[in-house]
Amino acid sequence: MAVDLIQIRALAERKEEENWKFRQFVKFGCKLKEKEMDRQVWETTKRVWAGIDCTACANCCREVRPTFSEEEVNRLAARLGTTPLQLIDTYLEPNGDDDNPWQTRTSPCPFLKDNRCSVYEDRPADCKGYPYLYEPGFSSRTMAMIERTFTCPIVYEVIEELKRSWGFAR
């Protein structure tokens, strides 16, 4: 199973056209009902995730710039012993989202240390939920999932396994 960022990106690039066809299949050709589809995505995710050590990968922390709510900024500032304004000035920038108005200025994430999150207990919801495979409504989120195949080996492997188990003709 590939966890190197360069490998994941190369594999995803080779599969990109096929993945867009799979998206069409999921939306219009797959006979599964939404709840059954989600159940199978969750089961597949659980199985795939068990074989991948996220701390050996940390591609998401290198590539994705998570967003922060005001509450998350306050909680993280308290953890770091700084003020919310100092935290924002040092690490964050506005992103135009009313619910989560801040995002990290840089990638990799400034809180990534030795492939681990140095603020894990107080990380934002964006990080806690990533790569969002356990959220309901997989069929309506396939575009985002295909984009994540370039970053996350879990998403890449789940998509590949779903193609096989759902009878997608390559």
Protein backbone atom coordinates (compact mmCIF):
# COMPACT_ATOMS: atom_id res chain seq x y z
CA MET A 1 0.00 0.00 0.00
CA ALA A 2 1.51 3.32 -1.06
CA VAL A 3 1.77 6.05 1.55
CA ASP A 4 4.46 8.23 0.00
CA LEU A 5 3.02 11.53 -1.24
CA ILE A 6 4.78 11.28 -4.61
CA GLN A 7 3.52 7.71 -5.11
CA ILE A 8 -0.03 8.61 -4.11
CA ARG A 9 -0.10 11.59 -6.47
CA ALA A 10 1.28 9.50 -9.36
CA LEU A 11 -1.20 6.68 -8.74
CA ALA A 12 -4.10 9.13 -8.50
CA GLU A 13 -3.03 10.87 -11.71
CA ARG A 14 -2.99 7.53 -13.55
CA LYS A 15 -6.47 6.72 -12.22
CA GLU A 16 -7.99 10.19 -12.55
CA GLU A 17 -10.01 9.59 -15.73
CA GLU A 18 -11.17 6.23 -14.41
CA ASN A 19 -12.12 7.84 -11.10
CA TRP A 20 -14.29 10.43 -12.87
CA LYS A 21 -16.04 7.56 -14.66
CA PHE A 22 -16.46 5.83 -11.30
CA ARG A 23 -18.07 9.03 -9.98
CA GLN A 24 -20.62 8.86 -12.83
CA PHE A 25 -21.19 5.20 -12.02
CA VAL A 26 -21.78 5.98 -8.33
CA LYS A 27 -24.22 8.76 -9.14
CA PHE A 28 -26.13 7.13 -11.99
CA GLY A 29 -25.22 3.46 -12.45
CA CYS A 30 -24.78 1.96 -9.02
CA LYS A 31 -27.90 0.13 -7.81
CA LEU A 32 -27.14 0.55 -4.09
CA LYS A 33 -29.36 2.74 -1.97
CA GLU A 34 -27.61 5.66 -0.26
CA LYS A 35 -27.65 4.10 3.23
CA GLU A 36 -26.26 0.80 1.96
CA MET A 37 -23.63 2.65 -0.05
CA ASP A 38 -22.58 4.61 3.04
CA ARG A 39 -22.48 1.43 5.13
CA GLN A 40 -20.19 -0.24 2.62
CA VAL A 41 -17.97 2.86 2.39
CA TRP A 42 -17.66 2.87 6.20
CA GLU A 43 -16.87 -0.86 6.38
CA THR A 44 -14.29 -0.54 3.61
CA THR A 45 -12.77 2.53 5.27
CA LYS A 46 -12.46 0.72 8.59
CA ARG A 47 -10.70 -2.22 6.93
CA VAL A 48 -8.34 -0.03 4.85
CA TRP A 49 -7.58 2.35 7.73
CA ALA A 50 -6.51 -0.59 9.90
CA GLY A 51 -3.65 -1.22 7.47
CA ILE A 52 -2.34 2.34 7.28
CA ASP A 53 -0.42 4.19 9.97
CA CYS A 54 -1.37 7.83 9.48
CA THR A 55 1.69 8.97 11.40
CA ALA A 56 3.90 7.19 8.88
CA CYS A 57 2.17 9.15 6.13
CA ALA A 58 0.97 12.58 7.32
CA ASN A 59 0.29 13.58 3.71
CA CYS A 60 -2.86 15.40 4.78
CA CYS A 61 -0.84 17.53 7.19
CA ARG A 62 1.65 18.31 4.45
CA GLU A 63 -0.92 19.20 1.79
CA VAL A 64 -4.21 20.32 3.35
CA ARG A 65 -4.67 23.69 5.01
CA PRO A 66 -7.32 23.12 7.68
CA THR A 67 -9.84 25.74 8.70
CA PHE A 68 -10.53 26.93 12.24
CA SER A 69 -13.61 28.30 13.94
CA GLU A 70 -13.28 31.11 16.48
CA GLU A 71 -13.82 28.52 19.25
CA GLU A 72 -11.01 26.34 17.85
CA VAL A 73 -8.69 29.36 17.66
CA ASN A 74 -9.44 30.19 21.30
CA ARG A 75 -8.92 26.58 22.44
CA LEU A 76 -5.64 26.22 20.53
CA ALA A 77 -4.35 29.58 21.75
CA ALA A 78 -5.02 28.55 25.35
CA ARG A 79 -3.20 25.26 24.77
CA LEU A 80 -0.19 27.08 23.32
CA GLY A 81 -0.20 29.74 26.06
CA THR A 82 -0.78 32.60 23.67
CA THR A 83 -3.62 34.91 22.77
CA PRO A 84 -6.00 34.19 19.90
CA LEU A 85 -4.68 37.29 18.11
CA GLN A 86 -1.07 36.10 18.45
CA LEU A 87 -2.05 32.65 17.18
CA ILE A 88 -3.79 34.18 14.18
CA ASP A 89 -0.91 36.56 13.44
CA THR A 90 1.62 33.73 13.62
CA TYR A 91 -0.12 30.78 11.96
CA LEU A 92 -3.46 31.65 10.36
CA GLU A 93 -5.03 33.77 7.64
CA PRO A 94 -8.64 34.64 6.80
CA ASN A 95 -10.41 32.39 4.32
CA GLY A 96 -13.82 34.05 3.88
CA ASP A 97 -15.87 31.30 5.55
CA ASP A 98 -18.30 32.53 8.22
CA ASP A 99 -18.27 29.28 10.24
CA ASN A 100 -14.53 28.66 10.04
CA PRO A 101 -13.02 32.04 9.19
CA TRP A 102 -9.36 31.01 9.54
CA GLN A 103 -7.01 28.59 7.79
CA THR A 104 -3.35 27.81 8.21
CA ARG A 105 -1.09 30.16 6.27
CA THR A 106 1.17 27.40 5.08
CA SER A 107 1.43 23.80 4.20
CA PRO A 108 2.77 21.70 5.67
CA CYS A 109 0.75 22.49 8.74
CA PRO A 110 2.80 24.50 11.23
CA PHE A 111 1.70 22.10 13.98
CA LEU A 112 3.15 19.02 12.26
CA LYS A 113 6.24 17.81 14.15
CA ASP A 114 7.96 14.53 13.24
CA ASN A 115 4.89 13.38 11.27
CA ARG A 116 2.65 13.92 14.29
CA CYS A 117 0.23 16.65 15.22
CA SER A 118 1.76 18.62 18.08
CA VAL A 119 -1.70 19.89 19.09
CA TYR A 120 -3.59 16.64 18.48
CA GLU A 121 -6.04 16.95 21.38
CA ASP A 122 -6.99 20.47 20.28
CA ARG A 123 -6.81 20.05 16.50
CA PRO A 124 -9.68 21.57 14.51
CA ALA A 125 -12.71 19.60 13.32
CA ASP A 126 -11.30 19.70 9.77
CA CYS A 127 -8.45 17.52 10.97
CA LYS A 128 -10.54 15.29 13.21
CA GLY A 129 -12.89 14.37 10.38
CA TYR A 130 -10.35 14.03 7.58
CA PRO A 131 -10.62 12.35 5.09
CA TYR A 132 -14.40 12.48 5.68
CA LEU A 133 -15.12 8.92 4.57
CA TYR A 134 -17.29 8.32 7.64
CA GLU A 135 -19.71 11.13 6.78
CA PRO A 136 -23.05 10.16 5.22
CA GLY A 137 -23.92 10.94 1.62
CA PHE A 138 -20.91 9.44 -0.13
CA SER A 139 -22.53 9.64 -3.56
CA SER A 140 -22.93 13.40 -3.28
CA ARG A 141 -19.31 13.85 -2.13
CA THR A 142 -17.50 11.82 -4.77
CA MET A 143 -15.89 14.86 -6.39
CA ALA A 144 -14.15 15.75 -3.12
CA MET A 145 -13.23 12.11 -2.57
CA ILE A 146 -11.57 11.89 -5.99
CA GLU A 147 -9.58 15.02 -5.16
CA ARG A 148 -8.45 13.37 -1.91
CA THR A 149 -7.06 10.36 -3.77
CA PHE A 150 -4.12 12.65 -4.62
CA THR A 151 -3.34 13.19 -0.93
CA CYS A 152 -4.67 10.35 1.17
CA PRO A 153 -3.72 6.70 0.69
CA ILE A 154 -6.79 5.66 2.66
CA VAL A 155 -9.13 7.42 0.22
CA TYR A 156 -7.18 6.05 -2.74
CA GLU A 157 -7.41 2.47 -1.46
CA VAL A 158 -11.08 2.78 -0.43
CA ILE A 159 -12.03 4.06 -3.89
CA GLU A 160 -10.11 1.21 -5.53
CA GLU A 161 -11.80 -1.38 -3.31
CA LEU A 162 -15.26 0.13 -3.91
CA LYS A 163 -14.71 -0.07 -7.67
CA ARG A 164 -14.10 -3.80 -7.35
CA SER A 165 -16.88 -4.58 -4.89
CA TRP A 166 -19.54 -2.46 -6.64
CA GLY A 167 -18.93 -4.00 -10.05
CA PHE A 168 -17.55 -0.91 -11.73
CA ALA A 169 -16.42 -1.80 -15.27
CA ARG A 170 -12.98 -0.22 -15.73
